[in-house]
Amino acid sequence: MAVTAGKARTGTRGRFEPYRAVLRIPGLPPLLGLSLLSRIPASGAAIVLTLHVVLTLGQGYAAAGSVGAASTIGMAVGAPLLGRLIDRVGLRPVLVLGMVTETAFWSVAPVLPYPALVVGALLAGTLGVPLFSVVRQSIGALVPEAQRRPAFAVDSMAVELSYIIGPALGTVLVLQTSSPLAVWTVGGGRVLAGAALWLLNPLTRAPRTDDEGAAPPIRQWLDRRLLAALLATAAAVIVVFGTELTMIAGLQSSGQAAWIPVVNTVWCLASLTGGLVYGAMTRAPSLPVITAAVGVAALPVALGGVWWSYALLLLPCGLLLAPSLAASSEAVSRLAPEPARGVVTGLHASAITLGAAAGTPLAGLLIDLASPAMAVLTVGGLGIAVAATAGVFGGGLSARRGRRASPRL
């Protein structure tokens, strides 16, 4: 019995050793801790602005969605531009620009008329603190390539936790106090996150590299493998967001809306479990394979009916959610040359943002024209098709970029 117990303890330690190893890397633990705390106000911003537009400004949900769309477009455009600026002038000047922009927008957002709020959301999305991409860029710079899987897995689990906590806190704050106070609170949290990141000042480029100097021309690093990785990333996000809306619509239309938070929590917990397992793997499937698996796992959700059936059917897709995000971060980080790491990480953030922006309206249109089942079958099939295309186009994304980028496309 003692021998068996000892083996069990050894096996448990072995499974979590990759996490212990990355958490011993200097500078990484405070970065990961900050990434979780600072993402909570960022994840709650969308629901707070939505409720402010609906409850305080008296607009409809379509108008509220336009504010979110403006912010999304701004982030998609701004992420690679700010990443390029980080590559050229360093992190701190970009964070100062972001904090000034965030302070200007969030301080006046509660008193802006609706048209000005849309314009402000667009500008804040473009020039605000690029929190998500900076964290991923810093992980790529701090962590050796062989250890990035558990590091990015922890980062993807932090994103999941922030999206469990942030929207819930934002909703409670709006309903229990007022939407202007909630807007100021979220904005203050975003500015404080930028200030904390400025104080931490994590590396955004590996300290010793043969790629020092000016960034290589775009044609040297924006090759088939990177384009395929960005395409697979966007496809996985489309499937996830489309599946989420399908679940919400299915439960709402059948009079089971009260169970949506329960089903969503089960899905998020499955994602956290999947991320934990993925980060401890010594060998993992390629990004196109994981993306295709997300698409396949989404298809059975079309059979959902009673709330608990949705919870069960979402488990396989949930288990792959955090791994897909971690795998995409790992693949893009591997393909980014050091002098262009900021702009490449920004393009990765844009792929995630555009995938989210496309997945929800696509599923919504299919739900309105056909049914929730048809919507999830379509987005799942789309994910499989795009993953297969990315796998062929990018050669499976298995090849590693050398120290210097290949000059060939």
Protein backbone atom coordinates (compact mmCIF):
# COMPACT_ATOMS: atom_id res chain seq x y z
CA MET A 1 0.00 0.00 0.00
CA ALA A 2 2.79 2.40 0.89
CA VAL A 3 4.55 1.65 -2.38
CA THR A 4 1.34 2.26 -4.32
CA ALA A 5 0.72 5.53 -2.51
CA GLY A 6 4.28 6.60 -3.16
CA LYS A 7 3.94 5.89 -6.86
CA ALA A 8 0.69 7.84 -6.96
CA ARG A 9 2.33 10.84 -5.32
CA THR A 10 5.28 10.59 -7.70
CA GLY A 11 2.94 10.39 -10.68
CA THR A 12 1.00 13.44 -9.51
CA ARG A 13 4.21 15.41 -9.02
CA GLY A 14 5.37 14.35 -12.46
CA ARG A 15 2.19 15.51 -14.12
CA PHE A 16 2.49 18.98 -12.60
CA GLU A 17 6.26 19.31 -12.93
CA PRO A 18 5.99 21.31 -16.20
CA TYR A 19 3.98 23.94 -14.31
CA ARG A 20 6.46 24.02 -11.44
CA ALA A 21 9.29 24.45 -13.92
CA VAL A 22 7.74 27.43 -15.73
CA LEU A 23 6.74 29.09 -12.46
CA ARG A 24 10.42 29.03 -11.48
CA ILE A 25 11.30 31.21 -14.50
CA PRO A 26 12.27 34.69 -13.22
CA GLY A 27 9.64 37.29 -13.94
CA LEU A 28 6.92 34.88 -15.05
CA PRO A 29 4.89 34.36 -11.81
CA PRO A 30 4.19 38.09 -11.28
CA LEU A 31 3.30 38.44 -14.96
CA LEU A 32 0.80 35.56 -14.78
CA GLY A 33 -0.69 36.87 -11.55
CA LEU A 34 -1.06 40.33 -13.01
CA SER A 35 -2.58 38.91 -16.19
CA LEU A 36 -5.40 37.29 -14.21
CA LEU A 37 -6.20 40.28 -12.01
CA SER A 38 -5.95 42.86 -14.79
CA ARG A 39 -8.14 40.88 -17.17
CA ILE A 40 -11.12 40.92 -14.80
CA PRO A 41 -12.07 44.57 -15.52
CA ALA A 42 -11.22 44.05 -19.20
CA SER A 43 -13.58 41.07 -19.44
CA GLY A 44 -16.35 42.94 -17.62
CA ALA A 45 -16.17 46.02 -19.85
CA ALA A 46 -18.43 44.69 -22.62
CA ILE A 47 -21.38 43.77 -20.39
CA VAL A 48 -21.07 47.03 -18.42
CA LEU A 49 -21.17 49.15 -21.59
CA THR A 50 -24.05 47.04 -22.95
CA LEU A 51 -26.14 47.55 -19.84
CA HIS A 52 -25.25 51.25 -19.73
CA VAL A 53 -26.47 51.77 -23.30
CA VAL A 54 -29.70 49.84 -22.65
CA LEU A 55 -30.59 50.91 -19.11
CA THR A 56 -29.23 54.46 -18.90
CA LEU A 57 -29.20 55.72 -22.48
CA GLY A 58 -32.48 53.99 -23.31
CA GLN A 59 -31.19 52.41 -26.51
CA GLY A 60 -31.87 48.89 -27.75
CA TYR A 61 -29.58 45.89 -27.72
CA ALA A 62 -28.72 46.45 -31.38
CA ALA A 63 -27.37 49.88 -30.46
CA ALA A 64 -25.47 48.34 -27.54
CA GLY A 65 -24.03 45.78 -29.93
CA SER A 66 -22.78 48.60 -32.15
CA VAL A 67 -20.72 49.96 -29.25
CA GLY A 68 -19.21 46.53 -28.74
CA ALA A 69 -18.58 46.18 -32.48
CA ALA A 70 -16.82 49.55 -32.58
CA SER A 71 -14.55 48.51 -29.71
CA THR A 72 -13.87 45.15 -31.39
CA ILE A 73 -12.96 46.77 -34.70
CA GLY A 74 -10.66 49.16 -32.87
CA MET A 75 -8.86 46.32 -31.07
CA ALA A 76 -8.49 44.31 -34.29
CA VAL A 77 -6.93 47.30 -36.05
CA GLY A 78 -4.91 48.57 -33.12
CA ALA A 79 -3.31 45.33 -31.84
CA PRO A 80 -0.76 44.87 -34.68
CA LEU A 81 -0.11 48.63 -34.90
CA LEU A 82 0.62 48.90 -31.18
CA GLY A 83 2.66 45.69 -31.39
CA ARG A 84 4.77 47.26 -34.12
CA LEU A 85 5.21 50.33 -31.93
CA ILE A 86 6.37 48.13 -29.03
CA ASP A 87 8.94 46.54 -31.32
CA ARG A 88 10.27 49.97 -32.24
CA VAL A 89 10.12 52.10 -29.07
CA GLY A 90 9.58 49.58 -26.25
CA LEU A 91 6.68 48.70 -23.98
CA ARG A 92 6.44 51.62 -21.57
CA PRO A 93 5.74 54.42 -24.11
CA VAL A 94 2.93 52.31 -25.60
CA LEU A 95 1.47 51.70 -22.14
CA VAL A 96 1.54 55.44 -21.43
CA LEU A 97 -0.35 56.06 -24.67
CA GLY A 98 -2.83 53.38 -23.71
CA MET A 99 -3.38 54.70 -20.19
CA VAL A 100 -3.93 58.26 -21.45
CA THR A 101 -6.44 56.96 -24.00
CA GLU A 102 -8.24 54.75 -21.47
CA THR A 103 -8.39 57.57 -18.91
CA ALA A 104 -9.80 60.00 -21.44
CA PHE A 105 -12.48 57.58 -22.66
CA TRP A 106 -13.67 55.95 -19.42
CA SER A 107 -13.76 59.21 -17.44
CA VAL A 108 -16.31 60.75 -19.84
CA ALA A 109 -18.03 57.59 -21.16
CA PRO A 110 -20.97 57.73 -18.67
CA VAL A 111 -21.94 61.24 -19.82
CA LEU A 112 -21.37 60.82 -23.57
CA PRO A 113 -24.37 60.76 -25.91
CA TYR A 114 -24.75 57.54 -27.83
CA PRO A 115 -23.01 58.58 -31.12
CA ALA A 116 -20.01 59.94 -29.23
CA LEU A 117 -19.86 56.75 -27.16
CA VAL A 118 -19.54 54.67 -30.33
CA VAL A 119 -16.70 56.85 -31.62
CA GLY A 120 -14.99 56.82 -28.22
CA ALA A 121 -15.23 53.02 -28.01
CA LEU A 122 -13.60 52.76 -31.43
CA LEU A 123 -10.69 55.01 -30.45
CA ALA A 124 -10.24 53.37 -27.05
CA GLY A 125 -10.19 49.96 -28.69
CA THR A 126 -7.56 51.12 -31.16
CA LEU A 127 -5.20 52.96 -28.82
CA GLY A 128 -6.02 51.50 -25.39
CA VAL A 129 -3.74 49.30 -23.30
CA PRO A 130 -3.09 46.12 -25.37
CA LEU A 131 -3.21 43.95 -22.27
CA PHE A 132 -3.93 40.54 -23.78
CA SER A 133 -1.35 40.76 -26.55
CA VAL A 134 1.34 42.23 -24.26
CA VAL A 135 0.97 39.34 -21.81
CA ARG A 136 1.30 36.76 -24.60
CA GLN A 137 4.23 38.64 -26.13
CA SER A 138 6.00 38.72 -22.78
CA ILE A 139 5.42 35.01 -22.21
CA GLY A 140 7.00 34.32 -25.61
CA ALA A 141 10.00 36.46 -24.67
CA LEU A 142 10.47 35.15 -21.10
CA VAL A 143 9.86 31.43 -21.61
CA PRO A 144 12.10 29.12 -23.66
CA GLU A 145 10.30 27.48 -26.56
CA ALA A 146 10.35 24.03 -24.96
CA GLN A 147 8.42 25.31 -21.91
CA ARG A 148 5.86 27.56 -23.58
CA ARG A 149 3.06 25.00 -23.63
CA PRO A 150 2.40 25.03 -19.86
CA ALA A 151 2.99 28.79 -19.74
CA PHE A 152 0.42 29.52 -22.42
CA ALA A 153 -1.92 26.95 -20.85
CA VAL A 154 -1.82 28.92 -17.58
CA ASP A 155 -2.47 32.09 -19.57
CA SER A 156 -5.49 30.55 -21.33
CA MET A 157 -6.87 29.34 -17.99
CA ALA A 158 -6.44 32.87 -16.62
CA VAL A 159 -8.55 34.14 -19.51
CA GLU A 160 -11.26 31.60 -18.64
CA LEU A 161 -11.28 32.62 -14.99
CA SER A 162 -11.45 36.30 -15.87
CA TYR A 163 -14.47 35.70 -18.11
CA ILE A 164 -16.20 33.82 -15.30
CA ILE A 165 -15.58 36.60 -12.78
CA GLY A 166 -15.54 39.85 -14.78
CA PRO A 167 -18.97 39.82 -16.48
CA ALA A 168 -20.64 38.58 -13.29
CA LEU A 169 -19.10 41.37 -11.18
CA GLY A 170 -19.90 43.95 -13.85
CA THR A 171 -23.55 42.89 -14.00
CA VAL A 172 -23.92 42.97 -10.22
CA LEU A 173 -22.29 46.39 -10.05
CA VAL A 174 -24.66 47.85 -12.67
CA LEU A 175 -27.79 46.34 -11.14
CA GLN A 176 -26.93 47.08 -7.51
CA THR A 177 -25.51 50.60 -7.98
CA SER A 178 -25.70 52.39 -11.33
CA SER A 179 -24.28 52.01 -14.81
CA PRO A 180 -22.19 55.23 -14.65
CA LEU A 181 -20.50 54.01 -11.45
CA ALA A 182 -19.90 50.61 -13.05
CA VAL A 183 -18.40 52.26 -16.15
CA TRP A 184 -16.04 54.36 -14.01
CA THR A 185 -15.07 51.30 -11.95
CA VAL A 186 -14.27 49.21 -15.00
CA GLY A 187 -12.36 52.08 -16.59
CA GLY A 188 -10.39 52.65 -13.41
CA GLY A 189 -9.52 48.97 -13.30
CA ARG A 190 -8.26 49.07 -16.87
CA VAL A 191 -6.07 52.10 -16.19
CA LEU A 192 -4.70 50.51 -13.00
CA ALA A 193 -3.91 47.36 -15.02
CA GLY A 194 -1.90 49.47 -17.45
CA ALA A 195 -0.07 51.17 -14.57
CA ALA A 196 0.76 47.82 -12.95
CA LEU A 197 2.07 46.52 -16.25
CA TRP A 198 4.15 49.69 -16.64
CA LEU A 199 5.69 49.12 -13.19
CA LEU A 200 6.35 45.44 -13.90
CA ASN A 201 7.79 46.28 -17.34
CA PRO A 202 8.14 42.65 -18.49
CA LEU A 203 10.43 41.68 -21.33
CA THR A 204 8.90 41.88 -24.78
CA ARG A 205 11.94 40.45 -26.55
CA ALA A 206 14.23 37.61 -25.54
CA PRO A 207 17.32 39.01 -23.77
CA ARG A 208 19.82 37.18 -25.99
CA THR A 209 19.06 36.51 -29.62
CA ASP A 210 20.74 36.52 -33.01
CA ASP A 211 17.79 38.52 -34.38
CA GLU A 212 18.77 41.80 -32.72
CA GLY A 213 18.31 44.94 -34.76
CA ALA A 214 15.62 46.15 -37.08
CA ALA A 215 12.64 43.96 -37.79
CA PRO A 216 12.97 41.93 -41.01
CA PRO A 217 10.72 42.78 -43.95
CA ILE A 218 7.17 41.52 -43.66
CA ARG A 219 7.63 39.09 -46.53
CA GLN A 220 10.28 37.26 -44.52
CA TRP A 221 8.04 36.32 -41.58
CA LEU A 222 4.42 36.57 -42.80
CA ASP A 223 4.69 33.19 -44.51
CA ARG A 224 2.29 30.30 -45.04
CA ARG A 225 2.81 28.84 -41.61
CA LEU A 226 2.00 32.06 -39.79
CA LEU A 227 -1.02 32.79 -42.02
CA ALA A 228 -2.26 29.24 -41.43
CA ALA A 229 -1.84 29.65 -37.65
CA LEU A 230 -3.81 32.91 -37.69
CA LEU A 231 -6.51 31.32 -39.84
CA ALA A 232 -6.83 28.31 -37.52
CA THR A 233 -6.96 30.65 -34.51
CA ALA A 234 -9.83 32.67 -35.98
CA ALA A 235 -11.68 29.45 -36.93
CA ALA A 236 -11.46 28.02 -33.42
CA VAL A 237 -12.80 31.26 -31.92
CA ILE A 238 -15.66 31.36 -34.44
CA VAL A 239 -16.69 27.85 -33.39
CA VAL A 240 -16.51 28.67 -29.68
CA PHE A 241 -18.51 31.91 -29.88
CA GLY A 242 -21.01 30.43 -32.30
CA THR A 243 -21.51 27.42 -30.04
CA GLU A 244 -21.99 29.65 -27.00
CA LEU A 245 -24.72 31.67 -28.73
CA THR A 246 -26.35 28.45 -29.91
CA MET A 247 -26.55 27.20 -26.34
CA ILE A 248 -28.00 30.52 -25.14
CA ALA A 249 -30.57 30.60 -27.93
CA GLY A 250 -31.54 26.96 -27.42
CA LEU A 251 -32.16 27.40 -23.70
CA GLN A 252 -33.82 30.79 -24.15
CA SER A 253 -36.27 29.56 -26.80
CA SER A 254 -37.24 26.52 -24.72
CA GLY A 255 -37.96 28.53 -21.58
CA GLN A 256 -34.83 27.38 -19.72
CA ALA A 257 -32.94 30.70 -19.64
CA ALA A 258 -32.45 30.44 -15.86
CA TRP A 259 -30.10 27.51 -16.46
CA ILE A 260 -27.77 29.42 -18.81
CA PRO A 261 -25.32 30.46 -16.02
CA VAL A 262 -25.16 26.84 -14.76
CA VAL A 263 -24.45 25.41 -18.21
CA ASN A 264 -21.90 28.15 -18.93
CA THR A 265 -20.11 27.41 -15.64
CA VAL A 266 -19.89 23.71 -16.51
CA TRP A 267 -18.45 24.65 -19.89
CA CYS A 268 -15.87 26.98 -18.34
CA LEU A 269 -14.82 24.39 -15.76
CA ALA A 270 -14.34 21.87 -18.56
CA SER A 271 -12.15 24.40 -20.35
CA LEU A 272 -10.02 24.91 -17.24
CA THR A 273 -9.62 21.14 -16.91
CA GLY A 274 -8.63 20.81 -20.55
CA GLY A 275 -6.11 23.62 -20.24
CA LEU A 276 -4.55 22.00 -17.18
CA VAL A 277 -4.15 18.68 -18.98
CA TYR A 278 -2.87 20.27 -22.19
CA GLY A 279 -0.17 22.27 -20.41
CA ALA A 280 1.24 19.11 -18.81
CA MET A 281 1.49 17.20 -22.11
CA THR A 282 4.96 16.52 -23.45
CA ARG A 283 3.59 15.98 -26.96
CA ALA A 284 0.44 17.58 -28.26
CA PRO A 285 -1.48 17.68 -31.55
CA SER A 286 -0.81 20.53 -33.94
CA LEU A 287 -2.97 23.64 -33.97
CA PRO A 288 -4.99 22.61 -37.09
CA VAL A 289 -5.76 19.24 -35.49
CA ILE A 290 -6.94 20.87 -32.27
CA THR A 291 -9.03 23.38 -34.23
CA ALA A 292 -10.64 20.58 -36.22
CA ALA A 293 -11.32 18.73 -32.96
CA VAL A 294 -13.09 21.82 -31.59
CA GLY A 295 -15.30 21.83 -34.67
CA VAL A 296 -16.08 18.11 -34.36
CA ALA A 297 -16.80 18.46 -30.63
CA ALA A 298 -19.28 21.27 -31.31
CA LEU A 299 -21.46 19.21 -33.67
CA PRO A 300 -23.26 17.10 -30.99
CA VAL A 301 -24.48 20.32 -29.32
CA ALA A 302 -27.13 20.35 -32.08
CA LEU A 303 -28.85 17.54 -30.15
CA GLY A 304 -29.29 19.67 -27.01
CA GLY A 305 -32.72 19.95 -25.45
CA VAL A 306 -33.05 19.84 -21.67
CA TRP A 307 -30.52 22.06 -19.89
CA TRP A 308 -28.49 19.16 -18.52
CA SER A 309 -28.15 17.72 -22.04
CA TYR A 310 -26.51 20.98 -23.13
CA ALA A 311 -24.16 20.77 -20.14
CA LEU A 312 -23.13 17.22 -21.05
CA LEU A 313 -22.87 17.85 -24.80
CA LEU A 314 -20.71 20.92 -24.24
CA LEU A 315 -18.14 19.03 -22.16
CA PRO A 316 -15.99 17.78 -25.10
CA CYS A 317 -15.96 21.21 -26.72
CA GLY A 318 -15.21 22.82 -23.37
CA LEU A 319 -12.28 20.50 -22.74
CA LEU A 320 -10.73 21.75 -26.00
CA LEU A 321 -11.43 25.46 -25.51
CA ALA A 322 -8.42 26.50 -23.42
CA PRO A 323 -6.08 24.08 -25.26
CA SER A 324 -7.03 25.64 -28.61
CA LEU A 325 -6.18 29.12 -27.33
CA ALA A 326 -2.94 27.89 -25.76
CA ALA A 327 -1.98 25.99 -28.91
CA SER A 328 -2.55 29.04 -31.09
CA SER A 329 -0.46 31.24 -28.77
CA GLU A 330 2.30 28.63 -28.76
CA ALA A 331 2.29 28.26 -32.55
CA VAL A 332 2.35 31.99 -33.24
CA SER A 333 5.04 32.56 -30.61
CA ARG A 334 7.21 29.89 -32.22
CA LEU A 335 6.85 31.50 -35.65
CA ALA A 336 7.54 35.09 -34.54
CA PRO A 337 11.05 36.49 -35.10
CA GLU A 338 12.22 38.44 -32.05
CA PRO A 339 12.43 41.90 -33.68
CA ALA A 340 8.83 41.51 -34.94
CA ARG A 341 7.37 39.68 -31.93
CA GLY A 342 5.12 42.61 -31.03
CA VAL A 343 3.44 42.96 -34.41
CA VAL A 344 3.08 39.18 -34.81
CA THR A 345 1.49 38.89 -31.36
CA GLY A 346 -0.76 41.80 -32.32
CA LEU A 347 -1.86 39.94 -35.45
CA HIS A 348 -2.67 36.95 -33.25
CA ALA A 349 -4.83 39.18 -31.03
CA SER A 350 -6.56 40.50 -34.15
CA ALA A 351 -7.29 36.94 -35.30
CA ILE A 352 -8.92 36.18 -31.95
CA THR A 353 -10.88 39.44 -32.01
CA LEU A 354 -12.11 38.98 -35.58
CA GLY A 355 -13.06 35.37 -34.87
CA ALA A 356 -15.16 36.50 -31.93
CA ALA A 357 -16.68 39.31 -33.99
CA ALA A 358 -17.62 36.90 -36.80
CA GLY A 359 -18.76 33.89 -34.77
CA THR A 360 -21.63 35.51 -32.87
CA PRO A 361 -23.37 37.29 -35.80
CA LEU A 362 -22.92 34.26 -38.07
CA ALA A 363 -24.54 31.97 -35.53
CA GLY A 364 -27.22 34.57 -34.80
CA LEU A 365 -28.15 34.84 -38.47
CA LEU A 366 -28.42 31.07 -38.79
CA ILE A 367 -30.50 30.84 -35.62
CA ASP A 368 -32.93 33.44 -37.01
CA LEU A 369 -33.11 31.88 -40.47
CA ALA A 370 -33.13 28.21 -39.43
CA SER A 371 -32.54 26.94 -35.87
CA PRO A 372 -29.92 26.73 -33.12
CA ALA A 373 -29.10 23.20 -34.28
CA MET A 374 -28.37 24.39 -37.83
CA ALA A 375 -26.23 27.21 -36.45
CA VAL A 376 -23.94 24.95 -34.43
CA LEU A 377 -23.70 22.40 -37.25
CA THR A 378 -22.63 25.19 -39.60
CA VAL A 379 -20.02 26.80 -37.35
CA GLY A 380 -18.68 23.37 -36.38
CA GLY A 381 -18.41 22.33 -40.02
CA LEU A 382 -16.77 25.64 -40.86
CA GLY A 383 -14.18 25.08 -38.14
CA ILE A 384 -13.36 21.63 -39.51
CA ALA A 385 -13.06 22.91 -43.08
CA VAL A 386 -10.88 25.89 -42.17
CA ALA A 387 -8.67 23.71 -39.93
CA ALA A 388 -8.12 21.29 -42.81
CA THR A 389 -7.27 24.19 -45.12
CA ALA A 390 -4.84 25.64 -42.56
CA GLY A 391 -3.20 22.25 -42.08
CA VAL A 392 -2.60 21.81 -45.81
CA PHE A 393 -1.65 25.45 -46.47
CA GLY A 394 0.69 25.66 -43.49
CA GLY A 395 2.24 22.22 -43.86
CA GLY A 396 0.74 21.10 -40.54
CA LEU A 397 2.57 23.94 -38.73
CA SER A 398 5.00 21.34 -37.48
CA ALA A 399 8.17 22.94 -38.77
CA ARG A 400 9.92 25.34 -36.46
CA ARG A 401 11.10 28.70 -37.61
CA GLY A 402 14.84 28.95 -37.52
CA ARG A 403 16.70 31.65 -35.69
CA ARG A 404 16.43 33.77 -38.77
CA ALA A 405 13.27 33.94 -40.75
CA SER A 406 13.20 32.29 -44.13
CA PRO A 407 13.11 34.81 -46.96
CA ARG A 408 10.63 32.67 -48.84
CA LEU A 409 6.87 33.03 -48.61
